[in-house]
N, C-alpha and C. Protein backbone atom coordinates (compact mmCIF):
# COMPACT_ATOMS: atom_id res chain seq x y z
N MET A 1 14.93 -28.05 144.36
CA MET A 1 15.49 -26.76 144.72
C MET A 1 14.94 -26.32 146.06
N GLN A 2 15.81 -26.14 147.04
CA GLN A 2 15.43 -25.59 148.33
C GLN A 2 16.28 -24.34 148.55
N VAL A 3 15.64 -23.19 148.60
CA VAL A 3 16.39 -21.93 148.62
C VAL A 3 15.84 -20.98 149.68
N ILE A 4 16.76 -20.26 150.32
CA ILE A 4 16.41 -19.12 151.17
C ILE A 4 17.07 -17.90 150.55
N LEU A 5 16.28 -16.92 150.14
CA LEU A 5 16.85 -15.69 149.59
C LEU A 5 17.24 -14.76 150.74
N LEU A 6 18.48 -14.32 150.71
CA LEU A 6 19.00 -13.44 151.74
C LEU A 6 19.40 -12.11 151.13
N GLY A 7 19.22 -11.05 151.88
CA GLY A 7 19.61 -9.74 151.39
C GLY A 7 18.86 -8.65 152.12
N PRO A 8 19.39 -7.45 152.13
CA PRO A 8 18.77 -6.33 152.83
C PRO A 8 17.53 -5.82 152.12
N PRO A 9 16.76 -4.93 152.78
CA PRO A 9 15.63 -4.29 152.10
C PRO A 9 16.10 -3.59 150.84
N GLY A 10 15.36 -3.81 149.74
CA GLY A 10 15.71 -3.17 148.49
C GLY A 10 16.65 -3.99 147.61
N ALA A 11 17.07 -5.17 148.09
CA ALA A 11 18.00 -5.99 147.30
C ALA A 11 17.31 -6.67 146.12
N GLY A 12 15.98 -6.74 146.16
CA GLY A 12 15.24 -7.37 145.06
C GLY A 12 14.79 -8.78 145.35
N LYS A 13 14.68 -9.14 146.63
CA LYS A 13 14.29 -10.51 146.98
C LYS A 13 12.91 -10.87 146.43
N GLY A 14 11.97 -9.92 146.54
CA GLY A 14 10.62 -10.22 146.08
C GLY A 14 10.56 -10.49 144.59
N THR A 15 11.26 -9.68 143.82
CA THR A 15 11.29 -9.85 142.36
C THR A 15 11.95 -11.17 141.99
N GLN A 16 13.09 -11.46 142.61
CA GLN A 16 13.80 -12.69 142.29
C GLN A 16 13.01 -13.93 142.73
N ALA A 17 12.34 -13.82 143.87
CA ALA A 17 11.52 -14.95 144.34
C ALA A 17 10.44 -15.29 143.33
N LYS A 18 9.77 -14.26 142.81
CA LYS A 18 8.70 -14.49 141.83
C LYS A 18 9.25 -15.17 140.58
N MET A 19 10.41 -14.71 140.09
CA MET A 19 10.98 -15.29 138.89
C MET A 19 11.44 -16.73 139.11
N LEU A 20 12.03 -17.00 140.26
CA LEU A 20 12.52 -18.35 140.55
C LEU A 20 11.37 -19.34 140.72
N THR A 21 10.32 -18.93 141.43
CA THR A 21 9.21 -19.86 141.63
C THR A 21 8.50 -20.16 140.31
N GLU A 22 8.42 -19.15 139.44
CA GLU A 22 7.82 -19.39 138.13
C GLU A 22 8.71 -20.30 137.28
N GLN A 23 10.02 -20.09 137.35
CA GLN A 23 10.95 -20.87 136.54
C GLN A 23 10.99 -22.33 136.97
N TYR A 24 10.98 -22.58 138.27
CA TYR A 24 11.17 -23.94 138.78
C TYR A 24 9.88 -24.62 139.21
N GLY A 25 8.79 -23.87 139.26
CA GLY A 25 7.51 -24.48 139.62
C GLY A 25 7.43 -24.93 141.06
N VAL A 26 8.11 -24.22 141.96
CA VAL A 26 8.06 -24.57 143.38
C VAL A 26 7.35 -23.44 144.13
N PRO A 27 6.76 -23.75 145.30
CA PRO A 27 6.02 -22.71 146.02
C PRO A 27 6.94 -21.75 146.76
N GLN A 28 6.50 -20.51 146.86
CA GLN A 28 7.17 -19.52 147.70
C GLN A 28 6.50 -19.56 149.06
N ILE A 29 7.24 -19.93 150.08
CA ILE A 29 6.69 -20.10 151.42
C ILE A 29 6.90 -18.82 152.21
N SER A 30 5.84 -18.04 152.35
CA SER A 30 5.89 -16.78 153.08
C SER A 30 5.47 -17.04 154.53
N THR A 31 6.33 -16.64 155.47
CA THR A 31 6.02 -16.86 156.88
C THR A 31 4.71 -16.19 157.26
N GLY A 32 4.52 -14.96 156.80
CA GLY A 32 3.29 -14.25 157.13
C GLY A 32 2.06 -14.98 156.62
N ASP A 33 2.14 -15.48 155.38
CA ASP A 33 0.99 -16.18 154.79
C ASP A 33 0.65 -17.45 155.55
N ILE A 34 1.67 -18.24 155.89
CA ILE A 34 1.37 -19.53 156.54
C ILE A 34 0.95 -19.33 157.99
N LEU A 35 1.43 -18.27 158.63
CA LEU A 35 0.95 -17.96 159.98
C LEU A 35 -0.54 -17.64 159.94
N ARG A 36 -0.93 -16.77 158.99
CA ARG A 36 -2.35 -16.41 158.88
C ARG A 36 -3.20 -17.62 158.51
N ALA A 37 -2.67 -18.49 157.64
CA ALA A 37 -3.41 -19.69 157.24
C ALA A 37 -3.60 -20.63 158.42
N ALA A 38 -2.56 -20.80 159.24
CA ALA A 38 -2.65 -21.68 160.41
C ALA A 38 -3.65 -21.14 161.42
N VAL A 39 -3.67 -19.81 161.58
CA VAL A 39 -4.63 -19.19 162.50
C VAL A 39 -6.05 -19.40 161.97
N ALA A 40 -6.24 -19.17 160.66
CA ALA A 40 -7.56 -19.32 160.06
C ALA A 40 -8.06 -20.76 160.14
N ALA A 41 -7.13 -21.72 160.01
CA ALA A 41 -7.50 -23.14 160.05
C ALA A 41 -7.72 -23.63 161.47
N GLY A 42 -7.28 -22.86 162.45
CA GLY A 42 -7.46 -23.25 163.84
C GLY A 42 -6.61 -24.42 164.27
N THR A 43 -5.43 -24.59 163.64
CA THR A 43 -4.53 -25.66 164.06
C THR A 43 -3.99 -25.36 165.45
N PRO A 44 -3.49 -26.38 166.17
CA PRO A 44 -2.95 -26.12 167.51
C PRO A 44 -1.87 -25.04 167.50
N LEU A 45 -0.96 -25.10 166.54
CA LEU A 45 0.08 -24.08 166.46
C LEU A 45 -0.50 -22.74 166.04
N GLY A 46 -1.52 -22.78 165.20
CA GLY A 46 -2.18 -21.54 164.79
C GLY A 46 -2.86 -20.86 165.96
N LYS A 47 -3.50 -21.64 166.83
CA LYS A 47 -4.14 -21.08 168.01
C LYS A 47 -3.10 -20.48 168.95
N GLU A 48 -1.97 -21.17 169.09
CA GLU A 48 -0.89 -20.64 169.94
C GLU A 48 -0.37 -19.32 169.37
N ALA A 49 -0.14 -19.31 168.05
CA ALA A 49 0.38 -18.09 167.42
C ALA A 49 -0.61 -16.93 167.57
N LYS A 50 -1.91 -17.23 167.49
CA LYS A 50 -2.93 -16.19 167.56
C LYS A 50 -2.89 -15.46 168.90
N THR A 51 -2.57 -16.17 169.97
CA THR A 51 -2.54 -15.52 171.29
C THR A 51 -1.48 -14.43 171.33
N TYR A 52 -0.40 -14.61 170.57
CA TYR A 52 0.65 -13.59 170.51
C TYR A 52 0.28 -12.49 169.52
N MET A 53 -0.24 -12.89 168.36
CA MET A 53 -0.58 -11.93 167.32
C MET A 53 -1.67 -10.97 167.78
N ASP A 54 -2.63 -11.48 168.57
CA ASP A 54 -3.74 -10.65 169.02
C ASP A 54 -3.28 -9.51 169.92
N ARG A 55 -2.17 -9.71 170.62
CA ARG A 55 -1.68 -8.64 171.49
C ARG A 55 -0.47 -7.91 170.91
N GLY A 56 -0.21 -8.16 169.62
CA GLY A 56 0.84 -7.45 168.92
C GLY A 56 2.24 -7.89 169.27
N ALA A 57 2.37 -9.09 169.84
CA ALA A 57 3.68 -9.61 170.23
C ALA A 57 4.24 -10.50 169.13
N LEU A 58 5.57 -10.69 169.14
CA LEU A 58 6.20 -11.60 168.18
C LEU A 58 5.86 -13.04 168.54
N VAL A 59 5.56 -13.82 167.51
CA VAL A 59 5.30 -15.25 167.72
C VAL A 59 6.63 -15.93 168.02
N PRO A 60 6.73 -16.73 169.08
CA PRO A 60 8.00 -17.38 169.44
C PRO A 60 8.56 -18.24 168.31
N ASP A 61 9.88 -18.35 168.27
CA ASP A 61 10.54 -19.12 167.22
C ASP A 61 10.02 -20.55 167.14
N GLU A 62 9.75 -21.15 168.31
CA GLU A 62 9.31 -22.55 168.33
C GLU A 62 7.99 -22.72 167.58
N ALA A 63 7.07 -21.79 167.78
CA ALA A 63 5.77 -21.88 167.10
C ALA A 63 5.92 -21.64 165.60
N VAL A 64 6.73 -20.64 165.24
CA VAL A 64 6.94 -20.34 163.82
C VAL A 64 7.59 -21.54 163.12
N THR A 65 8.62 -22.12 163.77
CA THR A 65 9.31 -23.27 163.18
C THR A 65 8.34 -24.44 163.00
N GLY A 66 7.46 -24.64 163.97
CA GLY A 66 6.48 -25.73 163.86
C GLY A 66 5.53 -25.51 162.70
N ILE A 67 5.10 -24.28 162.50
CA ILE A 67 4.18 -23.97 161.39
C ILE A 67 4.91 -24.13 160.05
N VAL A 68 6.18 -23.71 159.99
CA VAL A 68 6.98 -23.91 158.78
C VAL A 68 7.14 -25.40 158.51
N ARG A 69 7.37 -26.18 159.57
CA ARG A 69 7.52 -27.64 159.41
C ARG A 69 6.25 -28.23 158.79
N ASP A 70 5.10 -27.85 159.31
CA ASP A 70 3.84 -28.37 158.77
C ASP A 70 3.71 -28.02 157.28
N ARG A 71 4.09 -26.79 156.92
CA ARG A 71 3.95 -26.36 155.52
C ARG A 71 4.91 -27.12 154.61
N LEU A 72 6.15 -27.36 155.08
CA LEU A 72 7.14 -28.01 154.22
C LEU A 72 6.86 -29.50 154.01
N THR A 73 5.98 -30.08 154.81
CA THR A 73 5.64 -31.49 154.62
C THR A 73 4.45 -31.67 153.67
N GLU A 74 3.88 -30.57 153.17
CA GLU A 74 2.78 -30.68 152.23
C GLU A 74 3.29 -31.12 150.86
N PRO A 75 2.44 -31.79 150.07
CA PRO A 75 2.88 -32.39 148.80
C PRO A 75 3.56 -31.43 147.82
N ASP A 76 3.10 -30.17 147.75
CA ASP A 76 3.67 -29.27 146.75
C ASP A 76 5.10 -28.85 147.07
N CYS A 77 5.60 -29.19 148.26
CA CYS A 77 6.97 -28.83 148.63
C CYS A 77 7.97 -29.96 148.38
N GLN A 78 7.47 -31.10 147.92
CA GLN A 78 8.36 -32.24 147.77
C GLN A 78 9.41 -32.04 146.69
N ALA A 79 9.10 -31.22 145.69
CA ALA A 79 10.07 -30.93 144.63
C ALA A 79 10.92 -29.72 144.94
N GLY A 80 10.65 -29.07 146.06
CA GLY A 80 11.44 -27.92 146.45
C GLY A 80 10.56 -26.77 146.92
N TYR A 81 11.21 -25.70 147.37
CA TYR A 81 10.50 -24.55 147.89
C TYR A 81 11.45 -23.37 147.96
N LEU A 82 10.87 -22.19 148.15
CA LEU A 82 11.65 -20.98 148.37
C LEU A 82 11.10 -20.31 149.62
N LEU A 83 11.93 -20.19 150.66
CA LEU A 83 11.49 -19.60 151.92
C LEU A 83 11.58 -18.08 151.87
N ASP A 84 10.51 -17.42 152.30
CA ASP A 84 10.41 -15.97 152.26
C ASP A 84 10.09 -15.46 153.67
N GLY A 85 11.03 -14.73 154.27
CA GLY A 85 10.78 -14.17 155.59
C GLY A 85 11.15 -15.06 156.75
N PHE A 86 11.73 -16.20 156.47
CA PHE A 86 12.19 -17.13 157.51
C PHE A 86 13.31 -17.97 156.94
N PRO A 87 14.41 -18.14 157.69
CA PRO A 87 14.69 -17.56 159.00
C PRO A 87 15.14 -16.10 158.89
N ARG A 88 14.96 -15.35 159.99
CA ARG A 88 15.40 -13.97 160.06
C ARG A 88 16.59 -13.79 161.00
N THR A 89 16.83 -14.79 161.85
CA THR A 89 17.94 -14.73 162.80
C THR A 89 18.69 -16.05 162.77
N VAL A 90 19.89 -16.04 163.34
CA VAL A 90 20.68 -17.27 163.40
C VAL A 90 19.96 -18.31 164.25
N ALA A 91 19.32 -17.88 165.33
CA ALA A 91 18.58 -18.83 166.18
C ALA A 91 17.49 -19.53 165.37
N GLN A 92 16.78 -18.79 164.52
CA GLN A 92 15.75 -19.40 163.68
C GLN A 92 16.38 -20.34 162.65
N ALA A 93 17.54 -19.96 162.11
CA ALA A 93 18.22 -20.80 161.13
C ALA A 93 18.65 -22.11 161.78
N GLU A 94 19.14 -22.05 163.00
CA GLU A 94 19.55 -23.26 163.71
C GLU A 94 18.34 -24.16 163.97
N ALA A 95 17.21 -23.56 164.33
CA ALA A 95 16.00 -24.33 164.56
C ALA A 95 15.52 -24.98 163.26
N LEU A 96 15.62 -24.25 162.15
CA LEU A 96 15.23 -24.79 160.85
C LEU A 96 16.13 -25.96 160.47
N THR A 97 17.43 -25.83 160.71
CA THR A 97 18.37 -26.91 160.38
C THR A 97 18.03 -28.16 161.18
N ARG A 98 17.78 -28.01 162.48
CA ARG A 98 17.43 -29.17 163.31
C ARG A 98 16.15 -29.82 162.81
N MET A 99 15.16 -29.01 162.47
CA MET A 99 13.88 -29.53 162.02
C MET A 99 14.02 -30.31 160.71
N LEU A 100 14.78 -29.77 159.76
CA LEU A 100 14.96 -30.45 158.47
C LEU A 100 15.75 -31.75 158.63
N LYS A 101 16.71 -31.76 159.54
CA LYS A 101 17.46 -33.00 159.80
C LYS A 101 16.55 -34.06 160.41
N GLU A 102 15.64 -33.64 161.28
CA GLU A 102 14.68 -34.58 161.86
C GLU A 102 13.77 -35.16 160.79
N LEU A 103 13.43 -34.33 159.80
CA LEU A 103 12.57 -34.79 158.70
C LEU A 103 13.35 -35.63 157.69
N GLY A 104 14.69 -35.59 157.79
CA GLY A 104 15.52 -36.35 156.85
C GLY A 104 15.56 -35.74 155.46
N THR A 105 15.37 -34.41 155.37
CA THR A 105 15.40 -33.74 154.08
C THR A 105 16.67 -32.90 153.96
N SER A 106 17.02 -32.55 152.73
CA SER A 106 18.24 -31.78 152.49
C SER A 106 18.06 -30.35 152.99
N LEU A 107 19.19 -29.74 153.34
CA LEU A 107 19.16 -28.37 153.84
C LEU A 107 19.10 -27.39 152.68
N PRO A 108 18.47 -26.25 152.88
CA PRO A 108 18.36 -25.26 151.79
C PRO A 108 19.67 -24.53 151.56
N THR A 109 19.80 -24.00 150.37
CA THR A 109 20.93 -23.13 150.03
C THR A 109 20.54 -21.69 150.29
N GLY A 110 21.40 -20.96 150.98
CA GLY A 110 21.18 -19.54 151.16
C GLY A 110 21.73 -18.80 149.95
N VAL A 111 20.89 -18.04 149.27
CA VAL A 111 21.31 -17.27 148.11
C VAL A 111 21.31 -15.80 148.52
N SER A 112 22.48 -15.22 148.64
CA SER A 112 22.63 -13.85 149.11
C SER A 112 22.71 -12.88 147.95
N LEU A 113 21.80 -11.91 147.92
CA LEU A 113 21.83 -10.85 146.90
C LEU A 113 22.70 -9.71 147.43
N ASP A 114 23.81 -9.48 146.77
CA ASP A 114 24.81 -8.51 147.22
C ASP A 114 24.60 -7.17 146.52
N VAL A 115 24.21 -6.16 147.28
CA VAL A 115 23.96 -4.83 146.74
C VAL A 115 24.57 -3.80 147.69
N THR A 116 25.21 -2.78 147.15
CA THR A 116 25.82 -1.76 148.00
C THR A 116 24.75 -0.94 148.72
N GLU A 117 25.12 -0.35 149.86
CA GLU A 117 24.16 0.45 150.61
C GLU A 117 23.71 1.65 149.80
N GLU A 118 24.61 2.25 149.04
CA GLU A 118 24.23 3.41 148.23
C GLU A 118 23.16 3.05 147.22
N GLU A 119 23.30 1.88 146.60
CA GLU A 119 22.31 1.43 145.62
C GLU A 119 20.98 1.12 146.29
N LEU A 120 21.02 0.52 147.48
CA LEU A 120 19.78 0.21 148.20
C LEU A 120 19.00 1.49 148.51
N ILE A 121 19.72 2.51 148.98
CA ILE A 121 19.07 3.77 149.30
C ILE A 121 18.50 4.41 148.04
N ARG A 122 19.24 4.33 146.94
CA ARG A 122 18.77 4.86 145.65
C ARG A 122 17.47 4.18 145.22
N ARG A 123 17.42 2.87 145.39
CA ARG A 123 16.22 2.12 144.99
C ARG A 123 15.03 2.47 145.88
N LEU A 124 15.24 2.43 147.19
CA LEU A 124 14.13 2.60 148.11
C LEU A 124 13.66 4.04 148.19
N ALA A 125 14.61 4.98 148.24
CA ALA A 125 14.23 6.38 148.38
C ALA A 125 13.56 6.92 147.12
N GLY A 126 13.74 6.25 145.99
CA GLY A 126 13.14 6.70 144.74
C GLY A 126 11.74 6.17 144.50
N ARG A 127 11.25 5.32 145.39
CA ARG A 127 9.92 4.74 145.19
C ARG A 127 8.83 5.77 145.48
N ARG A 128 7.79 5.73 144.65
CA ARG A 128 6.62 6.58 144.84
C ARG A 128 5.37 5.70 144.65
N THR A 129 4.33 6.02 145.39
CA THR A 129 3.09 5.25 145.35
C THR A 129 1.91 6.18 145.15
N CYS A 130 0.96 5.78 144.31
CA CYS A 130 -0.23 6.59 144.10
C CYS A 130 -1.09 6.57 145.36
N GLN A 131 -1.41 7.75 145.84
CA GLN A 131 -2.20 7.88 147.06
C GLN A 131 -3.62 7.35 146.86
N ALA A 132 -4.10 7.34 145.62
CA ALA A 132 -5.47 6.93 145.34
C ALA A 132 -5.61 5.44 145.05
N CYS A 133 -4.78 4.92 144.13
CA CYS A 133 -4.96 3.53 143.69
C CYS A 133 -3.82 2.60 144.10
N GLY A 134 -2.74 3.14 144.64
CA GLY A 134 -1.64 2.30 145.10
C GLY A 134 -0.65 1.88 144.04
N GLU A 135 -0.80 2.37 142.81
CA GLU A 135 0.11 2.00 141.72
C GLU A 135 1.54 2.45 142.07
N PRO A 136 2.54 1.54 141.90
CA PRO A 136 3.91 1.90 142.26
C PRO A 136 4.67 2.55 141.10
N PHE A 137 5.57 3.47 141.43
CA PHE A 137 6.44 4.12 140.47
C PHE A 137 7.82 4.27 141.09
N HIS A 138 8.78 4.70 140.27
CA HIS A 138 10.12 5.02 140.77
C HIS A 138 10.63 6.21 139.98
N VAL A 139 11.24 7.15 140.67
CA VAL A 139 11.65 8.39 140.01
C VAL A 139 12.68 8.15 138.91
N GLU A 140 13.45 7.05 138.99
CA GLU A 140 14.46 6.75 137.97
C GLU A 140 14.07 5.58 137.09
N PHE A 141 13.65 4.48 137.70
CA PHE A 141 13.45 3.24 136.96
C PHE A 141 12.07 3.10 136.33
N HIS A 142 11.07 3.76 136.91
CA HIS A 142 9.70 3.68 136.36
C HIS A 142 8.98 5.00 136.67
N PRO A 143 9.46 6.09 136.05
CA PRO A 143 8.86 7.39 136.35
C PRO A 143 7.49 7.54 135.69
N PRO A 144 6.62 8.35 136.30
CA PRO A 144 5.32 8.63 135.67
C PRO A 144 5.51 9.53 134.45
N ARG A 145 4.53 9.54 133.57
CA ARG A 145 4.61 10.40 132.38
C ARG A 145 4.62 11.87 132.77
N VAL A 146 3.86 12.20 133.83
CA VAL A 146 3.83 13.57 134.36
C VAL A 146 4.30 13.50 135.80
N GLY A 147 5.28 14.31 136.15
CA GLY A 147 5.86 14.27 137.48
C GLY A 147 4.84 14.38 138.59
N GLY A 148 4.88 13.42 139.53
CA GLY A 148 4.01 13.46 140.70
C GLY A 148 2.58 13.04 140.46
N ILE A 149 2.26 12.59 139.22
CA ILE A 149 0.88 12.22 138.87
C ILE A 149 0.84 10.77 138.39
N CYS A 150 -0.10 10.00 138.91
CA CYS A 150 -0.24 8.59 138.55
C CYS A 150 -0.70 8.44 137.10
N ASP A 151 -0.02 7.60 136.34
CA ASP A 151 -0.41 7.31 134.96
C ASP A 151 -1.77 6.62 134.89
N LYS A 152 -2.09 5.86 135.93
CA LYS A 152 -3.28 5.01 135.89
C LYS A 152 -4.56 5.77 136.24
N CYS A 153 -4.52 6.61 137.30
CA CYS A 153 -5.77 7.24 137.75
C CYS A 153 -5.63 8.75 137.97
N SER A 154 -4.44 9.30 137.67
CA SER A 154 -4.16 10.73 137.85
C SER A 154 -4.14 11.17 139.31
N GLY A 155 -3.99 10.20 140.21
CA GLY A 155 -3.87 10.54 141.62
C GLY A 155 -2.49 11.10 141.94
N ASN A 156 -2.33 11.64 143.13
CA ASN A 156 -1.04 12.18 143.57
C ASN A 156 -0.10 11.06 144.00
N LEU A 157 1.17 11.18 143.60
CA LEU A 157 2.18 10.21 144.03
C LEU A 157 2.84 10.70 145.30
N ILE A 158 3.02 9.78 146.25
CA ILE A 158 3.62 10.13 147.53
C ILE A 158 4.81 9.22 147.82
N GLN A 159 5.67 9.67 148.70
CA GLN A 159 6.78 8.85 149.20
C GLN A 159 6.38 8.35 150.58
N ARG A 160 6.35 7.05 150.76
CA ARG A 160 5.98 6.48 152.05
C ARG A 160 7.00 6.84 153.11
N ASP A 161 6.56 6.87 154.35
CA ASP A 161 7.46 7.22 155.45
C ASP A 161 8.64 6.26 155.54
N ASP A 162 8.40 4.97 155.27
CA ASP A 162 9.50 4.00 155.41
C ASP A 162 10.45 4.04 154.21
N ASP A 163 10.17 4.90 153.24
CA ASP A 163 11.10 5.09 152.11
C ASP A 163 11.89 6.39 152.24
N GLN A 164 11.74 7.08 153.37
CA GLN A 164 12.57 8.26 153.62
C GLN A 164 13.98 7.78 153.95
N GLU A 165 15.00 8.55 153.52
CA GLU A 165 16.38 8.08 153.66
C GLU A 165 16.75 7.76 155.12
N GLU A 166 16.34 8.59 156.05
CA GLU A 166 16.68 8.34 157.45
C GLU A 166 16.10 7.02 157.94
N THR A 167 14.84 6.75 157.54
CA THR A 167 14.19 5.49 157.92
C THR A 167 14.86 4.31 157.25
N ILE A 168 15.25 4.47 155.99
CA ILE A 168 15.93 3.40 155.26
C ILE A 168 17.22 3.02 155.97
N ARG A 169 17.98 4.01 156.39
CA ARG A 169 19.26 3.73 157.07
C ARG A 169 19.01 2.98 158.39
N ARG A 170 17.92 3.31 159.09
CA ARG A 170 17.60 2.58 160.32
C ARG A 170 17.23 1.14 160.00
N ARG A 171 16.46 0.94 158.93
CA ARG A 171 16.08 -0.42 158.53
C ARG A 171 17.30 -1.24 158.16
N LEU A 172 18.24 -0.62 157.47
CA LEU A 172 19.46 -1.33 157.09
C LEU A 172 20.30 -1.67 158.31
N GLN A 173 20.31 -0.80 159.32
CA GLN A 173 21.04 -1.08 160.54
C GLN A 173 20.44 -2.28 161.27
N VAL A 174 19.10 -2.33 161.33
CA VAL A 174 18.43 -3.48 161.94
C VAL A 174 18.77 -4.76 161.18
N TYR A 175 18.78 -4.68 159.85
CA TYR A 175 19.14 -5.84 159.04
C TYR A 175 20.55 -6.31 159.36
N ARG A 176 21.50 -5.37 159.43
CA ARG A 176 22.89 -5.75 159.70
C ARG A 176 23.03 -6.42 161.07
N GLU A 177 22.27 -5.96 162.03
CA GLU A 177 22.38 -6.50 163.38
C GLU A 177 21.69 -7.85 163.53
N GLN A 178 20.51 -8.01 162.92
CA GLN A 178 19.70 -9.19 163.18
C GLN A 178 19.75 -10.26 162.10
N THR A 179 19.80 -9.85 160.84
CA THR A 179 19.64 -10.81 159.75
C THR A 179 20.91 -11.08 158.97
N GLU A 180 21.78 -10.10 158.81
CA GLU A 180 23.01 -10.31 158.05
C GLU A 180 23.87 -11.46 158.58
N PRO A 181 23.89 -11.73 159.91
CA PRO A 181 24.66 -12.87 160.40
C PRO A 181 24.26 -14.22 159.77
N LEU A 182 23.06 -14.29 159.17
CA LEU A 182 22.66 -15.52 158.49
C LEU A 182 23.60 -15.86 157.35
N ILE A 183 24.17 -14.83 156.72
CA ILE A 183 25.09 -15.07 155.61
C ILE A 183 26.29 -15.87 156.10
N GLY A 184 26.85 -15.47 157.23
CA GLY A 184 27.96 -16.21 157.81
C GLY A 184 27.56 -17.60 158.24
N TYR A 185 26.36 -17.74 158.77
CA TYR A 185 25.88 -19.06 159.22
C TYR A 185 25.85 -20.06 158.07
N TYR A 186 25.25 -19.67 156.95
CA TYR A 186 25.16 -20.59 155.82
C TYR A 186 26.50 -20.75 155.11
N GLN A 187 27.33 -19.72 155.16
CA GLN A 187 28.66 -19.83 154.56
C GLN A 187 29.49 -20.87 155.30
N ARG A 188 29.43 -20.86 156.62
CA ARG A 188 30.20 -21.83 157.42
C ARG A 188 29.76 -23.26 157.15
N GLN A 189 28.53 -23.45 156.73
CA GLN A 189 28.05 -24.80 156.43
C GLN A 189 28.26 -25.18 154.96
N GLY A 190 28.86 -24.27 154.20
CA GLY A 190 29.05 -24.54 152.78
C GLY A 190 27.76 -24.50 152.00
N LEU A 191 26.79 -23.72 152.49
CA LEU A 191 25.46 -23.67 151.88
C LEU A 191 25.10 -22.26 151.41
N LEU A 192 26.12 -21.48 151.06
CA LEU A 192 25.85 -20.10 150.64
C LEU A 192 26.33 -19.86 149.22
N LYS A 193 25.48 -19.22 148.43
CA LYS A 193 25.84 -18.74 147.10
C LYS A 193 25.58 -17.23 147.07
N THR A 194 26.50 -16.48 146.53
CA THR A 194 26.35 -15.03 146.48
C THR A 194 26.14 -14.58 145.04
N VAL A 195 25.14 -13.75 144.83
CA VAL A 195 24.81 -13.23 143.51
C VAL A 195 24.84 -11.71 143.59
N LYS A 196 25.49 -11.07 142.66
CA LYS A 196 25.48 -9.61 142.59
C LYS A 196 24.07 -9.16 142.22
N GLY A 197 23.45 -8.39 143.09
CA GLY A 197 22.07 -7.97 142.87
C GLY A 197 21.96 -6.70 142.05
N LEU A 198 22.75 -6.59 141.00
CA LEU A 198 22.74 -5.41 140.13
C LEU A 198 22.47 -5.83 138.70
N GLY A 199 21.97 -4.91 137.90
CA GLY A 199 21.73 -5.20 136.50
C GLY A 199 20.28 -5.57 136.25
N ASP A 200 20.00 -6.03 135.04
CA ASP A 200 18.66 -6.44 134.66
C ASP A 200 18.19 -7.60 135.53
N THR A 201 16.91 -7.58 135.95
CA THR A 201 16.42 -8.61 136.86
C THR A 201 16.55 -10.00 136.27
N GLY A 202 16.34 -10.14 134.97
CA GLY A 202 16.48 -11.45 134.34
C GLY A 202 17.91 -11.94 134.38
N ASP A 203 18.88 -11.02 134.22
CA ASP A 203 20.29 -11.40 134.28
C ASP A 203 20.68 -11.81 135.69
N ILE A 204 20.12 -11.13 136.71
CA ILE A 204 20.45 -11.46 138.09
C ILE A 204 20.01 -12.88 138.41
N VAL A 205 18.76 -13.19 138.12
CA VAL A 205 18.25 -14.51 138.46
C VAL A 205 18.93 -15.59 137.63
N CYS A 206 19.46 -15.23 136.46
CA CYS A 206 20.11 -16.20 135.60
C CYS A 206 21.62 -16.25 135.79
N THR A 207 22.12 -15.58 136.81
CA THR A 207 23.54 -15.70 137.12
C THR A 207 23.81 -17.11 137.63
N ASP A 208 24.85 -17.75 137.12
CA ASP A 208 25.20 -19.09 137.55
C ASP A 208 25.85 -19.01 138.92
N ILE A 209 25.13 -19.30 139.99
CA ILE A 209 25.68 -19.16 141.32
C ILE A 209 26.56 -20.34 141.71
N GLU A 210 26.75 -21.28 140.80
CA GLU A 210 27.74 -22.32 141.03
C GLU A 210 29.13 -21.82 140.69
N GLY A 211 29.24 -20.68 140.02
CA GLY A 211 30.53 -20.14 139.63
C GLY A 211 30.35 -18.82 138.93
N PRO A 212 31.41 -18.24 138.41
CA PRO A 212 31.32 -16.92 137.82
C PRO A 212 30.72 -16.88 136.43
N ARG A 213 30.47 -18.01 135.81
CA ARG A 213 29.98 -18.03 134.44
C ARG A 213 28.59 -17.41 134.34
N ARG A 214 28.38 -16.58 133.33
CA ARG A 214 27.06 -16.02 133.07
C ARG A 214 26.33 -16.93 132.09
N VAL A 215 25.02 -17.00 132.21
CA VAL A 215 24.25 -17.87 131.33
C VAL A 215 23.13 -17.08 130.68
N ARG A 216 22.64 -17.59 129.56
CA ARG A 216 21.55 -16.94 128.87
C ARG A 216 20.24 -17.21 129.61
N ARG A 217 19.25 -16.35 129.36
CA ARG A 217 17.95 -16.52 130.00
C ARG A 217 17.36 -17.90 129.70
N SER A 218 17.58 -18.39 128.48
CA SER A 218 17.01 -19.68 128.10
C SER A 218 17.63 -20.83 128.87
N ASN A 219 18.78 -20.57 129.52
CA ASN A 219 19.46 -21.63 130.28
C ASN A 219 19.37 -21.37 131.77
N CYS A 220 18.30 -20.71 132.21
CA CYS A 220 18.18 -20.32 133.61
C CYS A 220 18.21 -21.50 134.56
N ARG A 221 17.91 -22.68 134.12
CA ARG A 221 17.82 -23.80 135.04
C ARG A 221 19.16 -24.17 135.66
N SER A 222 20.26 -23.64 135.13
CA SER A 222 21.56 -23.91 135.74
C SER A 222 21.89 -22.88 136.81
N ALA A 223 20.98 -21.92 137.02
CA ALA A 223 21.31 -20.80 137.91
C ALA A 223 21.22 -21.14 139.38
N VAL A 224 20.32 -22.04 139.77
CA VAL A 224 20.09 -22.32 141.18
C VAL A 224 20.16 -23.81 141.40
N PRO A 225 20.81 -24.28 142.50
CA PRO A 225 20.93 -25.71 142.74
C PRO A 225 19.58 -26.32 143.08
């Protein structure tokens, strides 16, 4: 299984990634994690990336692609992987495709989580976090027992700045401009599967993306190629 989860902020990529990696026993490859690991290990690409990271600049696509290449050649990726945070642009996707063809490995399937903008705003704007211990809540889906008070430590619950509706709409606009074109890129290559990102999380991940048929949780292995 080689998969790239696609979708806007709030679509549930993190939740689905965790369930898929547990179900299939493949690693979740986070760009941020492998960048930090390469820097810590002092690899040539890690040293190059550090020069950009130290001054708060974006690491060039070539360096990121090289670090991803190194990670995908490690033994635990031979049975598959799930890419998290890469590619973010069509240029990065094209670089990834060239790199995988050079390695002689199969190309990943883009799995797009389809959620309406109204639902995304509902999910993100409803999030609350404990100011003291960081415990997450949601005003609809996981409300505290007492309004505004953390169940765990009785701290005050706050709404983060990036969960304000105006900020969410800006984030979604950036996604539409920079990352949404990836859906068309993988669709043109016949490498896109679309899953409705609504309903119970177990049902979402167990949707048969080979077709419209729904499957039981116990048959989740037919859900992803």
